[in-house]
Amino acid sequence: MATIKGATGITVRSEFDSVMDVEPELYEPLLNGCNVSGFAKSSIISKAFWLWMNPLLSKVYKYPLKFDDIPAFLPEHRAERLSALFELNWPKPHEKSNHPAQTTLLRCF
């Protein structure tokens, strides 16, 4: 689906955009930027080698974590949204996929 928006002309919107708007109250605490995971600000190399986890792992080494020590993911990386994306891309019954999970993962990413 395509919509016309703003001075730039055409903006592409997918069916997934409407799915992403579910339960916005889950994401309101993240809007002020407090305790967001390092994944959100890390480089591609940091993500590839999981270097963004080092600060959290050093805390675990020093003392047991409390709930407040665990960083939150950005809304686009939360399980609720990724689950909706997965369900949206699951093959329809008429597609007769031999490997539906593999097909779905390829469609998602």
PDB file of N, CA and C in Angstrom:
ATOM      1  N   MET A   1       0.839  -1.145   0.000  1.00  0.00           N
ATOM      2  CA  MET A   1       0.000   0.000   0.000  1.00  0.00           C
ATOM      3  C   MET A   1       0.902   1.230   0.000  1.00  0.00           C
ATOM      4  N   ALA A   2       0.544   2.288  -0.711  1.00  0.00           N
ATOM      5  CA  ALA A   2       1.308   3.529  -0.751  1.00  0.00           C
ATOM      6  C   ALA A   2       0.381   4.684  -0.429  1.00  0.00           C
ATOM      7  N   THR A   3       0.901   5.655   0.283  1.00  0.00           N
ATOM      8  CA  THR A   3       0.128   6.852   0.587  1.00  0.00           C
ATOM      9  C   THR A   3       0.934   8.075   0.207  1.00  0.00           C
ATOM     10  N   ILE A   4       0.245   9.160  -0.099  1.00  0.00           N
ATOM     11  CA  ILE A   4       0.935  10.406  -0.408  1.00  0.00           C
ATOM     12  C   ILE A   4       1.000  11.225   0.867  1.00  0.00           C
ATOM     13  N   LYS A   5       2.212  11.702   1.166  1.00  0.00           N
ATOM     14  CA  LYS A   5       2.403  12.397   2.427  1.00  0.00           C
ATOM     15  C   LYS A   5       3.489  13.447   2.274  1.00  0.00           C
ATOM     16  N   GLY A   6       3.231  14.641   2.734  1.00  0.00           N
ATOM     17  CA  GLY A   6       4.245  15.680   2.804  1.00  0.00           C
ATOM     18  C   GLY A   6       4.744  16.168   1.461  1.00  0.00           C
ATOM     19  N   ALA A   7       5.799  16.972   1.501  1.00  0.00           N
ATOM     20  CA  ALA A   7       6.356  17.587   0.304  1.00  0.00           C
ATOM     21  C   ALA A   7       7.200  16.606  -0.505  1.00  0.00           C
ATOM     22  N   THR A   8       7.606  15.510   0.099  1.00  0.00           N
ATOM     23  CA  THR A   8       8.484  14.581  -0.599  1.00  0.00           C
ATOM     24  C   THR A   8       7.738  13.657  -1.535  1.00  0.00           C
ATOM     25  N   GLY A   9       6.421  13.606  -1.438  1.00  0.00           N
ATOM     26  CA  GLY A   9       5.668  12.783  -2.371  1.00  0.00           C
ATOM     27  C   GLY A   9       5.168  11.502  -1.771  1.00  0.00           C
ATOM     28  N   ILE A  10       5.653  10.373  -2.252  1.00  0.00           N
ATOM     29  CA  ILE A  10       5.095   9.076  -1.876  1.00  0.00           C
ATOM     30  C   ILE A  10       5.828   8.491  -0.687  1.00  0.00           C
ATOM     31  N   THR A  11       5.058   8.040   0.265  1.00  0.00           N
ATOM     32  CA  THR A  11       5.580   7.337   1.422  1.00  0.00           C
ATOM     33  C   THR A  11       5.011   5.932   1.390  1.00  0.00           C
ATOM     34  N   VAL A  12       5.852   4.948   1.522  1.00  0.00           N
ATOM     35  CA  VAL A  12       5.394   3.564   1.492  1.00  0.00           C
ATOM     36  C   VAL A  12       5.049   3.141   2.909  1.00  0.00           C
ATOM     37  N   ARG A  13       3.872   2.597   3.055  1.00  0.00           N
ATOM     38  CA  ARG A  13       3.417   2.055   4.333  1.00  0.00           C
ATOM     39  C   ARG A  13       2.998   0.620   4.103  1.00  0.00           C
ATOM     40  N   SER A  14       3.380  -0.253   4.998  1.00  0.00           N
ATOM     41  CA  SER A  14       2.997  -1.654   4.853  1.00  0.00           C
ATOM     42  C   SER A  14       1.852  -1.965   5.799  1.00  0.00           C
ATOM     43  N   GLU A  15       1.296  -3.151   5.658  1.00  0.00           N
ATOM     44  CA  GLU A  15       0.269  -3.616   6.578  1.00  0.00           C
ATOM     45  C   GLU A  15       0.830  -3.725   7.987  1.00  0.00           C
ATOM     46  N   PHE A  16       2.122  -3.930   8.074  1.00  0.00           N
ATOM     47  CA  PHE A  16       2.782  -4.093   9.369  1.00  0.00           C
ATOM     48  C   PHE A  16       2.719  -2.814  10.195  1.00  0.00           C
ATOM     49  N   ASP A  17       2.656  -1.628   9.552  1.00  0.00           N
ATOM     50  CA  ASP A  17       2.614  -0.371  10.282  1.00  0.00           C
ATOM     51  C   ASP A  17       1.426  -0.303  11.233  1.00  0.00           C
ATOM     52  N   SER A  18       0.278  -0.816  10.813  1.00  0.00           N
ATOM     53  CA  SER A  18      -0.883  -0.791  11.689  1.00  0.00           C
ATOM     54  C   SER A  18      -0.733  -1.786  12.835  1.00  0.00           C
ATOM     55  N   VAL A  19      -0.039  -2.873  12.609  1.00  0.00           N
ATOM     56  CA  VAL A  19       0.193  -3.859  13.662  1.00  0.00           C
ATOM     57  C   VAL A  19       1.135  -3.289  14.713  1.00  0.00           C
ATOM     58  N   MET A  20       2.044  -2.424  14.285  1.00  0.00           N
ATOM     59  CA  MET A  20       3.040  -1.876  15.198  1.00  0.00           C
ATOM     60  C   MET A  20       2.461  -0.900  16.204  1.00  0.00           C
ATOM     61  N   ASP A  21       1.233  -0.464  16.028  1.00  0.00           N
ATOM     62  CA  ASP A  21       0.637   0.512  16.927  1.00  0.00           C
ATOM     63  C   ASP A  21      -0.078  -0.122  18.111  1.00  0.00           C
ATOM     64  N   VAL A  22       0.040  -1.412  18.285  1.00  0.00           N
ATOM     65  CA  VAL A  22      -0.654  -2.085  19.375  1.00  0.00           C
ATOM     66  C   VAL A  22      -0.012  -1.754  20.711  1.00  0.00           C
ATOM     67  N   GLU A  23      -0.843  -1.564  21.706  1.00  0.00           N
ATOM     68  CA  GLU A  23      -0.445  -1.360  23.096  1.00  0.00           C
ATOM     69  C   GLU A  23       0.652  -0.315  23.286  1.00  0.00           C
ATOM     70  N   PRO A  24       0.392   0.941  22.912  1.00  0.00           N
ATOM     71  CA  PRO A  24       1.428   1.965  23.067  1.00  0.00           C
ATOM     72  C   PRO A  24       1.802   2.240  24.514  1.00  0.00           C
ATOM     73  N   GLU A  25       0.929   1.887  25.474  1.00  0.00           N
ATOM     74  CA  GLU A  25       1.262   2.134  26.883  1.00  0.00           C
ATOM     75  C   GLU A  25       2.456   1.312  27.339  1.00  0.00           C
ATOM     76  N   LEU A  26       2.760   0.231  26.629  1.00  0.00           N
ATOM     77  CA  LEU A  26       3.946  -0.559  26.972  1.00  0.00           C
ATOM     78  C   LEU A  26       5.232   0.207  26.694  1.00  0.00           C
ATOM     79  N   TYR A  27       5.162   1.170  25.789  1.00  0.00           N
ATOM     80  CA  TYR A  27       6.362   1.843  25.325  1.00  0.00           C
ATOM     81  C   TYR A  27       6.547   3.230  25.907  1.00  0.00           C
ATOM     82  N   GLU A  28       5.551   3.745  26.614  1.00  0.00           N
ATOM     83  CA  GLU A  28       5.658   5.089  27.155  1.00  0.00           C
ATOM     84  C   GLU A  28       6.835   5.269  28.106  1.00  0.00           C
ATOM     85  N   PRO A  29       7.167   4.287  28.961  1.00  0.00           N
ATOM     86  CA  PRO A  29       8.343   4.474  29.818  1.00  0.00           C
ATOM     87  C   PRO A  29       9.640   4.629  29.039  1.00  0.00           C
ATOM     88  N   LEU A  30       9.683   4.166  27.795  1.00  0.00           N
ATOM     89  CA  LEU A  30      10.897   4.243  27.001  1.00  0.00           C
ATOM     90  C   LEU A  30      11.080   5.605  26.345  1.00  0.00           C
ATOM     91  N   LEU A  31      10.024   6.403  26.311  1.00  0.00           N
ATOM     92  CA  LEU A  31      10.096   7.668  25.593  1.00  0.00           C
ATOM     93  C   LEU A  31      11.064   8.656  26.222  1.00  0.00           C
ATOM     94  N   ASN A  32      11.265   8.588  27.515  1.00  0.00           N
ATOM     95  CA  ASN A  32      12.197   9.515  28.153  1.00  0.00           C
ATOM     96  C   ASN A  32      13.639   9.023  28.081  1.00  0.00           C
ATOM     97  N   GLY A  33      13.866   7.843  27.495  1.00  0.00           N
ATOM     98  CA  GLY A  33      15.218   7.354  27.256  1.00  0.00           C
ATOM     99  C   GLY A  33      15.916   6.746  28.450  1.00  0.00           C
ATOM    100  N   CYS A  34      15.216   6.535  29.537  1.00  0.00           N
ATOM    101  CA  CYS A  34      15.869   5.981  30.714  1.00  0.00           C
ATOM    102  C   CYS A  34      16.047   4.473  30.574  1.00  0.00           C
ATOM    103  N   ASN A  35      17.217   4.021  30.867  1.00  0.00           N
ATOM    104  CA  ASN A  35      17.544   2.605  30.933  1.00  0.00           C
ATOM    105  C   ASN A  35      17.193   1.826  29.665  1.00  0.00           C
ATOM    106  N   VAL A  36      17.529   2.383  28.516  1.00  0.00           N
ATOM    107  CA  VAL A  36      17.356   1.677  27.248  1.00  0.00           C
ATOM    108  C   VAL A  36      18.619   0.879  26.983  1.00  0.00           C
ATOM    109  N   SER A  37      18.486  -0.297  26.426  1.00  0.00           N
ATOM    110  CA  SER A  37      19.638  -1.175  26.228  1.00  0.00           C
ATOM    111  C   SER A  37      20.682  -0.546  25.316  1.00  0.00           C
ATOM    112  N   GLY A  38      21.906  -1.001  25.465  1.00  0.00           N
ATOM    113  CA  GLY A  38      23.004  -0.522  24.643  1.00  0.00           C
ATOM    114  C   GLY A  38      22.856  -0.901  23.185  1.00  0.00           C
ATOM    115  N   PHE A  39      22.008  -1.869  22.904  1.00  0.00           N
ATOM    116  CA  PHE A  39      21.769  -2.295  21.525  1.00  0.00           C
ATOM    117  C   PHE A  39      21.255  -1.128  20.687  1.00  0.00           C
ATOM    118  N   ALA A  40      20.455  -0.271  21.282  1.00  0.00           N
ATOM    119  CA  ALA A  40      19.842   0.847  20.553  1.00  0.00           C
ATOM    120  C   ALA A  40      20.881   1.822  20.022  1.00  0.00           C
ATOM    121  N   LYS A  41      21.988   1.981  20.727  1.00  0.00           N
ATOM    122  CA  LYS A  41      22.992   2.974  20.348  1.00  0.00           C
ATOM    123  C   LYS A  41      24.279   2.363  19.801  1.00  0.00           C
ATOM    124  N   SER A  42      24.318   1.049  19.673  1.00  0.00           N
ATOM    125  CA  SER A  42      25.567   0.403  19.297  1.00  0.00           C
ATOM    126  C   SER A  42      25.785   0.375  17.786  1.00  0.00           C
ATOM    127  N   SER A  43      27.036   0.220  17.416  1.00  0.00           N
ATOM    128  CA  SER A  43      27.409   0.146  16.006  1.00  0.00           C
ATOM    129  C   SER A  43      27.146  -1.258  15.479  1.00  0.00           C
ATOM    130  N   ILE A  44      27.287  -1.417  14.198  1.00  0.00           N
ATOM    131  CA  ILE A  44      27.068  -2.721  13.576  1.00  0.00           C
ATOM    132  C   ILE A  44      28.087  -3.750  14.076  1.00  0.00           C
ATOM    133  N   ILE A  45      29.298  -3.323  14.335  1.00  0.00           N
ATOM    134  CA  ILE A  45      30.336  -4.232  14.856  1.00  0.00           C
ATOM    135  C   ILE A  45      29.992  -4.652  16.282  1.00  0.00           C
ATOM    136  N   SER A  46      29.544  -3.693  17.075  1.00  0.00           N
ATOM    137  CA  SER A  46      29.139  -3.992  18.444  1.00  0.00           C
ATOM    138  C   SER A  46      27.971  -4.970  18.473  1.00  0.00           C
ATOM    139  N   LYS A  47      27.035  -4.794  17.545  1.00  0.00           N
ATOM    140  CA  LYS A  47      25.903  -5.715  17.471  1.00  0.00           C
ATOM    141  C   LYS A  47      26.342  -7.097  17.000  1.00  0.00           C
ATOM    142  N   ALA A  48      27.238  -7.146  16.039  1.00  0.00           N
ATOM    143  CA  ALA A  48      27.685  -8.426  15.491  1.00  0.00           C
ATOM    144  C   ALA A  48      28.443  -9.257  16.522  1.00  0.00           C
ATOM    145  N   PHE A  49      29.247  -8.607  17.354  1.00  0.00           N
ATOM    146  CA  PHE A  49      30.059  -9.323  18.337  1.00  0.00           C
ATOM    147  C   PHE A  49      29.495  -9.227  19.755  1.00  0.00           C
ATOM    148  N   TRP A  50      28.296  -8.703  19.880  1.00  0.00           N
ATOM    149  CA  TRP A  50      27.600  -8.576  21.164  1.00  0.00           C
ATOM    150  C   TRP A  50      28.380  -7.737  22.176  1.00  0.00           C
ATOM    151  N   LEU A  51      29.163  -6.780  21.709  1.00  0.00           N
ATOM    152  CA  LEU A  51      29.923  -5.917  22.612  1.00  0.00           C
ATOM    153  C   LEU A  51      29.023  -5.010  23.437  1.00  0.00           C
ATOM    154  N   TRP A  52      27.843  -4.729  22.937  1.00  0.00           N
ATOM    155  CA  TRP A  52      26.898  -3.871  23.651  1.00  0.00           C
ATOM    156  C   TRP A  52      26.432  -4.501  24.962  1.00  0.00           C
ATOM    157  N   MET A  53      26.675  -5.799  25.134  1.00  0.00           N
ATOM    158  CA  MET A  53      26.289  -6.501  26.365  1.00  0.00           C
ATOM    159  C   MET A  53      27.318  -6.349  27.478  1.00  0.00           C
ATOM    160  N   ASN A  54      28.526  -5.887  27.170  1.00  0.00           N
ATOM    161  CA  ASN A  54      29.591  -5.828  28.166  1.00  0.00           C
ATOM    162  C   ASN A  54      29.230  -5.050  29.429  1.00  0.00           C
ATOM    163  N   PRO A  55      28.613  -3.860  29.342  1.00  0.00           N
ATOM    164  CA  PRO A  55      28.269  -3.156  30.588  1.00  0.00           C
ATOM    165  C   PRO A  55      27.318  -3.956  31.477  1.00  0.00           C
ATOM    166  N   LEU A  56      26.354  -4.607  30.890  1.00  0.00           N
ATOM    167  CA  LEU A  56      25.425  -5.411  31.677  1.00  0.00           C
ATOM    168  C   LEU A  56      26.128  -6.627  32.284  1.00  0.00           C
ATOM    169  N   LEU A  57      26.986  -7.262  31.504  1.00  0.00           N
ATOM    170  CA  LEU A  57      27.709  -8.428  32.016  1.00  0.00           C
ATOM    171  C   LEU A  57      28.671  -8.054  33.144  1.00  0.00           C
ATOM    172  N   SER A  58      29.258  -6.855  33.074  1.00  0.00           N
ATOM    173  CA  SER A  58      30.144  -6.433  34.169  1.00  0.00           C
ATOM    174  C   SER A  58      29.345  -6.185  35.453  1.00  0.00           C
ATOM    175  N   LYS A  59      28.105  -5.707  35.320  1.00  0.00           N
ATOM    176  CA  LYS A  59      27.252  -5.551  36.503  1.00  0.00           C
ATOM    177  C   LYS A  59      26.929  -6.915  37.105  1.00  0.00           C
ATOM    178  N   VAL A  60      26.623  -7.891  36.250  1.00  0.00           N
ATOM    179  CA  VAL A  60      26.295  -9.233  36.727  1.00  0.00           C
ATOM    180  C   VAL A  60      27.475  -9.834  37.473  1.00  0.00           C
ATOM    181  N   TYR A  61      28.681  -9.561  36.996  1.00  0.00           N
ATOM    182  CA  TYR A  61      29.881 -10.092  37.632  1.00  0.00           C
ATOM    183  C   TYR A  61      30.070  -9.507  39.036  1.00  0.00           C
ATOM    184  N   LYS A  62      29.693  -8.247  39.218  1.00  0.00           N
ATOM    185  CA  LYS A  62      29.917  -7.567  40.503  1.00  0.00           C
ATOM    186  C   LYS A  62      28.852  -7.894  41.540  1.00  0.00           C
ATOM    187  N   TYR A  63      27.582  -7.962  41.119  1.00  0.00           N
ATOM    188  CA  TYR A  63      26.493  -8.211  42.062  1.00  0.00           C
ATOM    189  C   TYR A  63      25.273  -8.740  41.311  1.00  0.00           C
ATOM    190  N   PRO A  64      24.357  -9.397  42.025  1.00  0.00           N
ATOM    191  CA  PRO A  64      23.137  -9.883  41.376  1.00  0.00           C
ATOM    192  C   PRO A  64      22.303  -8.711  40.848  1.00  0.00           C
ATOM    193  N   LEU A  65      21.726  -8.905  39.708  1.00  0.00           N
ATOM    194  CA  LEU A  65      20.929  -7.839  39.105  1.00  0.00           C
ATOM    195  C   LEU A  65      19.580  -7.694  39.784  1.00  0.00           C
ATOM    196  N   LYS A  66      19.139  -6.458  39.861  1.00  0.00           N
ATOM    197  CA  LYS A  66      17.783  -6.144  40.282  1.00  0.00           C
ATOM    198  C   LYS A  66      16.989  -5.856  39.012  1.00  0.00           C
ATOM    199  N   PHE A  67      15.687  -5.834  39.127  1.00  0.00           N
ATOM    200  CA  PHE A  67      14.843  -5.592  37.967  1.00  0.00           C
ATOM    201  C   PHE A  67      15.170  -4.255  37.306  1.00  0.00           C
ATOM    202  N   ASP A  68      15.490  -3.238  38.090  1.00  0.00           N
ATOM    203  CA  ASP A  68      15.795  -1.912  37.542  1.00  0.00           C
ATOM    204  C   ASP A  68      17.123  -1.872  36.785  1.00  0.00           C
ATOM    205  N   ASP A  69      17.997  -2.840  37.035  1.00  0.00           N
ATOM    206  CA  ASP A  69      19.283  -2.890  36.338  1.00  0.00           C
ATOM    207  C   ASP A  69      19.169  -3.408  34.911  1.00  0.00           C
ATOM    208  N   ILE A  70      18.098  -4.104  34.625  1.00  0.00           N
ATOM    209  CA  ILE A  70      17.932  -4.708  33.309  1.00  0.00           C
ATOM    210  C   ILE A  70      17.380  -3.661  32.346  1.00  0.00           C
ATOM    211  N   PRO A  71      18.117  -3.370  31.286  1.00  0.00           N
ATOM    212  CA  PRO A  71      17.655  -2.341  30.351  1.00  0.00           C
ATOM    213  C   PRO A  71      16.482  -2.819  29.506  1.00  0.00           C
ATOM    214  N   ALA A  72      15.694  -1.855  29.063  1.00  0.00           N
ATOM    215  CA  ALA A  72      14.549  -2.159  28.207  1.00  0.00           C
ATOM    216  C   ALA A  72      14.961  -2.066  26.747  1.00  0.00           C
ATOM    217  N   PHE A  73      14.277  -2.801  25.902  1.00  0.00           N
ATOM    218  CA  PHE A  73      14.512  -2.704  24.464  1.00  0.00           C
ATOM    219  C   PHE A  73      13.668  -1.583  23.884  1.00  0.00           C
ATOM    220  N   LEU A  74      14.105  -1.079  22.758  1.00  0.00           N
ATOM    221  CA  LEU A  74      13.308  -0.099  22.044  1.00  0.00           C
ATOM    222  C   LEU A  74      12.011  -0.753  21.583  1.00  0.00           C
ATOM    223  N   PRO A  75      10.973   0.028  21.333  1.00  0.00           N
ATOM    224  CA  PRO A  75       9.688  -0.560  20.930  1.00  0.00           C
ATOM    225  C   PRO A  75       9.783  -1.479  19.718  1.00  0.00           C
ATOM    226  N   GLU A  76      10.612  -1.156  18.744  1.00  0.00           N
ATOM    227  CA  GLU A  76      10.690  -2.000  17.556  1.00  0.00           C
ATOM    228  C   GLU A  76      11.405  -3.324  17.794  1.00  0.00           C
ATOM    229  N   HIS A  77      12.030  -3.477  18.962  1.00  0.00           N
ATOM    230  CA  HIS A  77      12.722  -4.726  19.278  1.00  0.00           C
ATOM    231  C   HIS A  77      12.013  -5.523  20.366  1.00  0.00           C
ATOM    232  N   ARG A  78      10.856  -5.058  20.803  1.00  0.00           N
ATOM    233  CA  ARG A  78      10.110  -5.745  21.858  1.00  0.00           C
ATOM    234  C   ARG A  78       9.428  -6.989  21.318  1.00  0.00           C
ATOM    235  N   ALA A  79       9.233  -7.957  22.178  1.00  0.00           N
ATOM    236  CA  ALA A  79       8.643  -9.237  21.786  1.00  0.00           C
ATOM    237  C   ALA A  79       7.243  -9.076  21.208  1.00  0.00           C
ATOM    238  N   GLU A  80       6.474  -8.129  21.721  1.00  0.00           N
ATOM    239  CA  GLU A  80       5.113  -7.942  21.231  1.00  0.00           C
ATOM    240  C   GLU A  80       5.108  -7.589  19.745  1.00  0.00           C
ATOM    241  N   ARG A  81       5.973  -6.688  19.353  1.00  0.00           N
ATOM    242  CA  ARG A  81       6.033  -6.267  17.955  1.00  0.00           C
ATOM    243  C   ARG A  81       6.630  -7.336  17.056  1.00  0.00           C
ATOM    244  N   LEU A  82       7.666  -7.990  17.525  1.00  0.00           N
ATOM    245  CA  LEU A  82       8.289  -9.034  16.709  1.00  0.00           C
ATOM    246  C   LEU A  82       7.357 -10.226  16.544  1.00  0.00           C
ATOM    247  N   SER A  83       6.566 -10.513  17.561  1.00  0.00           N
ATOM    248  CA  SER A  83       5.576 -11.575  17.450  1.00  0.00           C
ATOM    249  C   SER A  83       4.517 -11.214  16.414  1.00  0.00           C
ATOM    250  N   ALA A  84       4.066  -9.962  16.428  1.00  0.00           N
ATOM    251  CA  ALA A  84       3.082  -9.520  15.438  1.00  0.00           C
ATOM    252  C   ALA A  84       3.658  -9.590  14.029  1.00  0.00           C
ATOM    253  N   LEU A  85       4.925  -9.210  13.873  1.00  0.00           N
ATOM    254  CA  LEU A  85       5.584  -9.290  12.569  1.00  0.00           C
ATOM    255  C   LEU A  85       5.678 -10.741  12.101  1.00  0.00           C
ATOM    256  N   PHE A  86       6.027 -11.630  13.017  1.00  0.00           N
ATOM    257  CA  PHE A  86       6.150 -13.055  12.694  1.00  0.00           C
ATOM    258  C   PHE A  86       4.800 -13.615  12.238  1.00  0.00           C
ATOM    259  N   GLU A  87       3.744 -13.299  12.985  1.00  0.00           N
ATOM    260  CA  GLU A  87       2.407 -13.785  12.629  1.00  0.00           C
ATOM    261  C   GLU A  87       1.938 -13.222  11.295  1.00  0.00           C
ATOM    262  N   LEU A  88       2.273 -11.984  11.021  1.00  0.00           N
ATOM    263  CA  LEU A  88       1.876 -11.346   9.769  1.00  0.00           C
ATOM    264  C   LEU A  88       2.538 -12.012   8.567  1.00  0.00           C
ATOM    265  N   ASN A  89       3.768 -12.486   8.736  1.00  0.00           N
ATOM    266  CA  ASN A  89       4.509 -13.087   7.640  1.00  0.00           C
ATOM    267  C   ASN A  89       4.400 -14.605   7.557  1.00  0.00           C
ATOM    268  N   TRP A  90       3.651 -15.213   8.467  1.00  0.00           N
ATOM    269  CA  TRP A  90       3.477 -16.663   8.439  1.00  0.00           C
ATOM    270  C   TRP A  90       2.759 -17.041   7.148  1.00  0.00           C
ATOM    271  N   PRO A  91       3.217 -18.100   6.448  1.00  0.00           N
ATOM    272  CA  PRO A  91       2.576 -18.488   5.185  1.00  0.00           C
ATOM    273  C   PRO A  91       1.093 -18.807   5.360  1.00  0.00           C
ATOM    274  N   LYS A  92       0.311 -18.370   4.410  1.00  0.00           N
ATOM    275  CA  LYS A  92      -1.126 -18.647   4.406  1.00  0.00           C
ATOM    276  C   LYS A  92      -1.341 -20.113   4.033  1.00  0.00           C
ATOM    277  N   PRO A  93      -2.480 -20.704   4.406  1.00  0.00           N
ATOM    278  CA  PRO A  93      -2.722 -22.125   4.101  1.00  0.00           C
ATOM    279  C   PRO A  93      -2.624 -22.458   2.607  1.00  0.00           C
ATOM    280  N   HIS A  94      -3.012 -21.531   1.742  1.00  0.00           N
ATOM    281  CA  HIS A  94      -2.966 -21.817   0.303  1.00  0.00           C
ATOM    282  C   HIS A  94      -1.543 -21.803  -0.263  1.00  0.00           C
ATOM    283  N   GLU A  95      -0.564 -21.301   0.502  1.00  0.00           N
ATOM    284  CA  GLU A  95       0.824 -21.257   0.035  1.00  0.00           C
ATOM    285  C   GLU A  95       1.536 -22.604   0.167  1.00  0.00           C
ATOM    286  N   LYS A  96       1.051 -23.455   1.027  1.00  0.00           N
ATOM    287  CA  LYS A  96       1.578 -24.814   1.208  1.00  0.00           C
ATOM    288  C   LYS A  96       3.099 -24.857   1.336  1.00  0.00           C
ATOM    289  N   SER A  97       3.615 -24.155   2.325  1.00  0.00           N
ATOM    290  CA  SER A  97       5.054 -24.117   2.571  1.00  0.00           C
ATOM    291  C   SER A  97       5.495 -25.374   3.321  1.00  0.00           C
ATOM    292  N   ASN A  98       6.577 -26.011   2.852  1.00  0.00           N
ATOM    293  CA  ASN A  98       7.125 -27.182   3.540  1.00  0.00           C
ATOM    294  C   ASN A  98       7.870 -26.811   4.810  1.00  0.00           C
ATOM    295  N   HIS A  99       8.383 -25.585   4.864  1.00  0.00           N
ATOM    296  CA  HIS A  99       9.144 -25.099   6.014  1.00  0.00           C
ATOM    297  C   HIS A  99       8.600 -23.730   6.416  1.00  0.00           C
ATOM    298  N   PRO A 100       7.452 -23.685   7.097  1.00  0.00           N
ATOM    299  CA  PRO A 100       6.814 -22.391   7.379  1.00  0.00           C
ATOM    300  C   PRO A 100       7.643 -21.472   8.274  1.00  0.00           C
ATOM    301  N   ALA A 101       8.334 -22.015   9.260  1.00  0.00           N
ATOM    302  CA  ALA A 101       9.129 -21.154  10.146  1.00  0.00           C
ATOM    303  C   ALA A 101      10.290 -20.527   9.368  1.00  0.00           C
ATOM    304  N   GLN A 102      10.949 -21.312   8.547  1.00  0.00           N
ATOM    305  CA  GLN A 102      12.062 -20.784   7.741  1.00  0.00           C
ATOM    306  C   GLN A 102      11.545 -19.719   6.762  1.00  0.00           C
ATOM    307  N   THR A 103      10.424 -19.977   6.122  1.00  0.00           N
ATOM    308  CA  THR A 103       9.832 -19.011   5.196  1.00  0.00           C
ATOM    309  C   THR A 103       9.492 -17.718   5.914  1.00  0.00           C
ATOM    310  N   THR A 104       8.926 -17.838   7.104  1.00  0.00           N
ATOM    311  CA  THR A 104       8.538 -16.660   7.875  1.00  0.00           C
ATOM    312  C   THR A 104       9.753 -15.839   8.279  1.00  0.00           C
ATOM    313  N   LEU A 105      10.803 -16.492   8.745  1.00  0.00           N
ATOM    314  CA  LEU A 105      12.022 -15.769   9.127  1.00  0.00           C
ATOM    315  C   LEU A 105      12.644 -15.045   7.936  1.00  0.00           C
ATOM    316  N   LEU A 106      12.660 -15.685   6.780  1.00  0.00           N
ATOM    317  CA  LEU A 106      13.189 -15.034   5.595  1.00  0.00           C
ATOM    318  C   LEU A 106      12.357 -13.817   5.211  1.00  0.00           C
ATOM    319  N   ARG A 107      11.055 -13.921   5.343  1.00  0.00           N
ATOM    320  CA  ARG A 107      10.177 -12.782   5.025  1.00  0.00           C
ATOM    321  C   ARG A 107      10.359 -11.643   6.020  1.00  0.00           C
ATOM    322  N   CYS A 108      10.590 -11.977   7.261  1.00  0.00           N
ATOM    323  CA  CYS A 108      10.724 -10.942   8.307  1.00  0.00           C
ATOM    324  C   CYS A 108      12.046 -10.183   8.195  1.00  0.00           C
ATOM    325  N   PHE A 109      13.108 -10.910   7.871  1.00  0.00           N
ATOM    326  CA  PHE A 109      14.413 -10.289   7.940  1.00  0.00           C
ATOM    327  C   PHE A 109      15.137 -10.329   6.625  1.00  0.00           C
TER     328      PHE A 109
END
